[in-house]
Amino acid sequence: MQTFATIIHVPDFPPREKHSTIFKGFDELNSGEFMQIVNDHDPRPLQYHFMMERPEQFTWEYLEEGPEVWKVSIGKK
């Protein structure tokens, strides 16, 4: 079972703070660590944001895919 350094419940944050909060959590990870995000919709746009802002630095694995809750494991390479 995967261990997460942090779990971020995305709906708890105002829209303007969501991505910056997630990126801050990611940047605080050590290489080989994972964080989990929990969201109320598919966070695919966030994955594209990661591809542009942190290319080749992360892993992305869906753990749960809706319809009400999406959970994603994001690892730091």
N, C-alpha and C. Protein backbone atom coordinates (compact mmCIF):
# COMPACT_ATOMS: atom_id res chain seq x y z
N MET A 1 0.83 -1.18 0.00
CA MET A 1 0.00 0.00 0.00
C MET A 1 0.88 1.25 0.00
N GLN A 2 0.48 2.22 -0.78
CA GLN A 2 1.23 3.45 -0.93
C GLN A 2 1.04 4.36 0.29
N THR A 3 2.11 5.01 0.71
CA THR A 3 2.05 5.97 1.80
C THR A 3 2.17 7.37 1.21
N PHE A 4 1.35 8.28 1.72
CA PHE A 4 1.33 9.64 1.19
C PHE A 4 1.91 10.61 2.21
N ALA A 5 2.82 11.47 1.73
CA ALA A 5 3.40 12.50 2.59
C ALA A 5 2.35 13.55 2.94
N THR A 6 1.41 13.76 2.03
CA THR A 6 0.34 14.72 2.26
C THR A 6 -0.89 14.32 1.45
N ILE A 7 -2.05 14.68 1.94
CA ILE A 7 -3.31 14.47 1.23
C ILE A 7 -4.00 15.83 1.17
N ILE A 8 -4.35 16.25 -0.03
CA ILE A 8 -5.00 17.54 -0.23
C ILE A 8 -6.42 17.31 -0.71
N HIS A 9 -7.38 17.81 0.05
CA HIS A 9 -8.80 17.76 -0.34
C HIS A 9 -9.07 19.06 -1.10
N VAL A 10 -9.00 18.97 -2.41
CA VAL A 10 -9.03 20.15 -3.27
C VAL A 10 -10.29 21.01 -3.08
N PRO A 11 -11.49 20.43 -2.92
CA PRO A 11 -12.67 21.28 -2.75
C PRO A 11 -12.64 22.18 -1.51
N ASP A 12 -11.74 21.90 -0.58
CA ASP A 12 -11.65 22.72 0.64
C ASP A 12 -11.02 24.10 0.38
N PHE A 13 -10.45 24.31 -0.80
CA PHE A 13 -9.73 25.54 -1.09
C PHE A 13 -10.51 26.40 -2.09
N PRO A 14 -10.39 27.73 -1.97
CA PRO A 14 -11.02 28.61 -2.96
C PRO A 14 -10.42 28.36 -4.34
N PRO A 15 -11.18 28.57 -5.39
CA PRO A 15 -10.69 28.28 -6.75
C PRO A 15 -9.31 28.87 -7.06
N ARG A 16 -9.07 30.09 -6.66
CA ARG A 16 -7.79 30.73 -7.01
C ARG A 16 -6.60 30.11 -6.28
N GLU A 17 -6.85 29.33 -5.24
CA GLU A 17 -5.75 28.73 -4.46
C GLU A 17 -5.52 27.25 -4.75
N LYS A 18 -6.40 26.63 -5.50
CA LYS A 18 -6.33 25.17 -5.69
C LYS A 18 -5.00 24.72 -6.29
N HIS A 19 -4.67 25.19 -7.49
CA HIS A 19 -3.46 24.71 -8.15
C HIS A 19 -2.21 25.12 -7.40
N SER A 20 -2.17 26.34 -6.89
CA SER A 20 -0.97 26.78 -6.18
C SER A 20 -0.75 25.95 -4.91
N THR A 21 -1.83 25.57 -4.24
CA THR A 21 -1.72 24.72 -3.05
C THR A 21 -1.18 23.35 -3.41
N ILE A 22 -1.66 22.80 -4.51
CA ILE A 22 -1.22 21.47 -4.95
C ILE A 22 0.25 21.52 -5.37
N PHE A 23 0.64 22.53 -6.13
CA PHE A 23 2.04 22.64 -6.55
C PHE A 23 2.96 22.86 -5.36
N LYS A 24 2.52 23.63 -4.38
CA LYS A 24 3.32 23.83 -3.17
C LYS A 24 3.52 22.50 -2.45
N GLY A 25 2.44 21.72 -2.33
CA GLY A 25 2.55 20.39 -1.71
C GLY A 25 3.51 19.50 -2.48
N PHE A 26 3.44 19.54 -3.80
CA PHE A 26 4.33 18.73 -4.63
C PHE A 26 5.78 19.17 -4.44
N ASP A 27 6.01 20.47 -4.46
CA ASP A 27 7.38 20.99 -4.34
C ASP A 27 8.01 20.64 -3.00
N GLU A 28 7.20 20.42 -1.98
CA GLU A 28 7.71 20.05 -0.66
C GLU A 28 8.04 18.57 -0.53
N LEU A 29 7.63 17.77 -1.52
CA LEU A 29 7.94 16.34 -1.49
C LEU A 29 9.41 16.10 -1.75
N ASN A 30 9.95 15.06 -1.15
CA ASN A 30 11.29 14.58 -1.48
C ASN A 30 11.16 13.61 -2.64
N SER A 31 12.23 13.42 -3.36
CA SER A 31 12.23 12.45 -4.46
C SER A 31 11.79 11.08 -3.94
N GLY A 32 10.86 10.46 -4.63
CA GLY A 32 10.36 9.15 -4.23
C GLY A 32 9.13 9.21 -3.34
N GLU A 33 8.73 10.39 -2.90
CA GLU A 33 7.53 10.53 -2.07
C GLU A 33 6.30 10.79 -2.94
N PHE A 34 5.14 10.56 -2.32
CA PHE A 34 3.87 10.72 -3.01
C PHE A 34 2.93 11.61 -2.21
N MET A 35 2.08 12.30 -2.94
CA MET A 35 0.97 13.02 -2.33
C MET A 35 -0.31 12.52 -2.98
N GLN A 36 -1.41 12.75 -2.32
CA GLN A 36 -2.70 12.36 -2.89
C GLN A 36 -3.58 13.60 -2.95
N ILE A 37 -4.27 13.75 -4.08
CA ILE A 37 -5.29 14.78 -4.14
C ILE A 37 -6.64 14.08 -4.22
N VAL A 38 -7.62 14.70 -3.57
CA VAL A 38 -8.99 14.22 -3.56
C VAL A 38 -9.83 15.36 -4.13
N ASN A 39 -10.61 15.06 -5.17
CA ASN A 39 -11.34 16.12 -5.85
C ASN A 39 -12.77 15.67 -6.16
N ASP A 40 -13.62 16.64 -6.50
CA ASP A 40 -15.01 16.34 -6.81
C ASP A 40 -15.27 16.26 -8.32
N HIS A 41 -14.22 16.35 -9.12
CA HIS A 41 -14.31 16.17 -10.56
C HIS A 41 -12.95 15.68 -11.07
N ASP A 42 -12.94 15.22 -12.31
CA ASP A 42 -11.70 14.71 -12.90
C ASP A 42 -10.67 15.84 -12.98
N PRO A 43 -9.51 15.66 -12.35
CA PRO A 43 -8.50 16.72 -12.34
C PRO A 43 -7.57 16.69 -13.56
N ARG A 44 -8.06 16.22 -14.69
CA ARG A 44 -7.23 16.14 -15.90
C ARG A 44 -6.56 17.48 -16.26
N PRO A 45 -7.26 18.63 -16.15
CA PRO A 45 -6.56 19.89 -16.44
C PRO A 45 -5.34 20.12 -15.55
N LEU A 46 -5.40 19.65 -14.32
CA LEU A 46 -4.25 19.76 -13.42
C LEU A 46 -3.10 18.91 -13.94
N GLN A 47 -3.40 17.74 -14.46
CA GLN A 47 -2.35 16.88 -15.02
C GLN A 47 -1.65 17.61 -16.17
N TYR A 48 -2.41 18.28 -17.03
CA TYR A 48 -1.81 19.04 -18.12
C TYR A 48 -0.97 20.20 -17.58
N HIS A 49 -1.44 20.83 -16.50
CA HIS A 49 -0.68 21.90 -15.86
C HIS A 49 0.67 21.36 -15.35
N PHE A 50 0.63 20.18 -14.73
CA PHE A 50 1.87 19.54 -14.28
C PHE A 50 2.80 19.25 -15.46
N MET A 51 2.24 18.79 -16.57
CA MET A 51 3.06 18.48 -17.75
C MET A 51 3.79 19.72 -18.26
N MET A 52 3.16 20.87 -18.11
CA MET A 52 3.78 22.12 -18.57
C MET A 52 4.75 22.70 -17.54
N GLU A 53 4.36 22.64 -16.25
CA GLU A 53 5.15 23.30 -15.19
C GLU A 53 6.26 22.41 -14.60
N ARG A 54 6.03 21.10 -14.58
CA ARG A 54 7.00 20.18 -13.96
C ARG A 54 7.23 18.96 -14.88
N PRO A 55 7.61 19.20 -16.13
CA PRO A 55 7.77 18.07 -17.06
C PRO A 55 8.82 17.08 -16.56
N GLU A 56 8.50 15.82 -16.71
CA GLU A 56 9.42 14.72 -16.37
C GLU A 56 9.76 14.65 -14.88
N GLN A 57 9.03 15.38 -14.03
CA GLN A 57 9.34 15.40 -12.60
C GLN A 57 8.32 14.65 -11.75
N PHE A 58 7.24 14.16 -12.37
CA PHE A 58 6.15 13.60 -11.57
C PHE A 58 5.59 12.33 -12.19
N THR A 59 4.91 11.56 -11.33
CA THR A 59 4.10 10.44 -11.79
C THR A 59 2.65 10.77 -11.44
N TRP A 60 1.73 10.18 -12.17
CA TRP A 60 0.30 10.47 -12.00
C TRP A 60 -0.45 9.16 -12.10
N GLU A 61 -1.18 8.80 -11.06
CA GLU A 61 -1.94 7.55 -11.06
C GLU A 61 -3.32 7.79 -10.46
N TYR A 62 -4.33 7.49 -11.25
CA TYR A 62 -5.70 7.57 -10.73
C TYR A 62 -5.91 6.41 -9.76
N LEU A 63 -6.41 6.71 -8.58
CA LEU A 63 -6.73 5.69 -7.59
C LEU A 63 -8.24 5.46 -7.53
N GLU A 64 -9.00 6.49 -7.84
CA GLU A 64 -10.46 6.42 -7.88
C GLU A 64 -10.93 7.42 -8.93
N GLU A 65 -11.87 6.99 -9.79
CA GLU A 65 -12.29 7.83 -10.91
C GLU A 65 -13.79 8.06 -10.91
N GLY A 66 -14.28 8.78 -9.91
CA GLY A 66 -15.65 9.25 -9.87
C GLY A 66 -16.70 8.17 -9.73
N PRO A 67 -17.94 8.53 -9.87
CA PRO A 67 -18.42 9.80 -10.41
C PRO A 67 -18.46 10.94 -9.39
N GLU A 68 -18.37 10.65 -8.11
CA GLU A 68 -18.45 11.72 -7.11
C GLU A 68 -17.10 12.12 -6.55
N VAL A 69 -16.16 11.19 -6.49
CA VAL A 69 -14.84 11.45 -5.92
C VAL A 69 -13.76 10.93 -6.87
N TRP A 70 -12.76 11.75 -7.09
CA TRP A 70 -11.58 11.35 -7.82
C TRP A 70 -10.41 11.45 -6.87
N LYS A 71 -9.58 10.41 -6.87
CA LYS A 71 -8.35 10.41 -6.06
C LYS A 71 -7.18 10.12 -7.00
N VAL A 72 -6.13 10.91 -6.85
CA VAL A 72 -4.95 10.77 -7.70
C VAL A 72 -3.71 10.75 -6.81
N SER A 73 -2.83 9.82 -7.10
CA SER A 73 -1.52 9.77 -6.47
C SER A 73 -0.54 10.51 -7.38
N ILE A 74 0.15 11.50 -6.84
CA ILE A 74 1.16 12.24 -7.59
C ILE A 74 2.49 12.01 -6.89
N GLY A 75 3.43 11.43 -7.63
CA GLY A 75 4.74 11.14 -7.07
C GLY A 75 5.81 12.06 -7.62
N LYS A 76 6.84 12.28 -6.82
CA LYS A 76 7.96 13.10 -7.26
C LYS A 76 9.10 12.17 -7.66
N LYS A 77 9.54 12.28 -8.89
CA LYS A 77 10.64 11.44 -9.39
C LYS A 77 11.96 11.84 -8.76
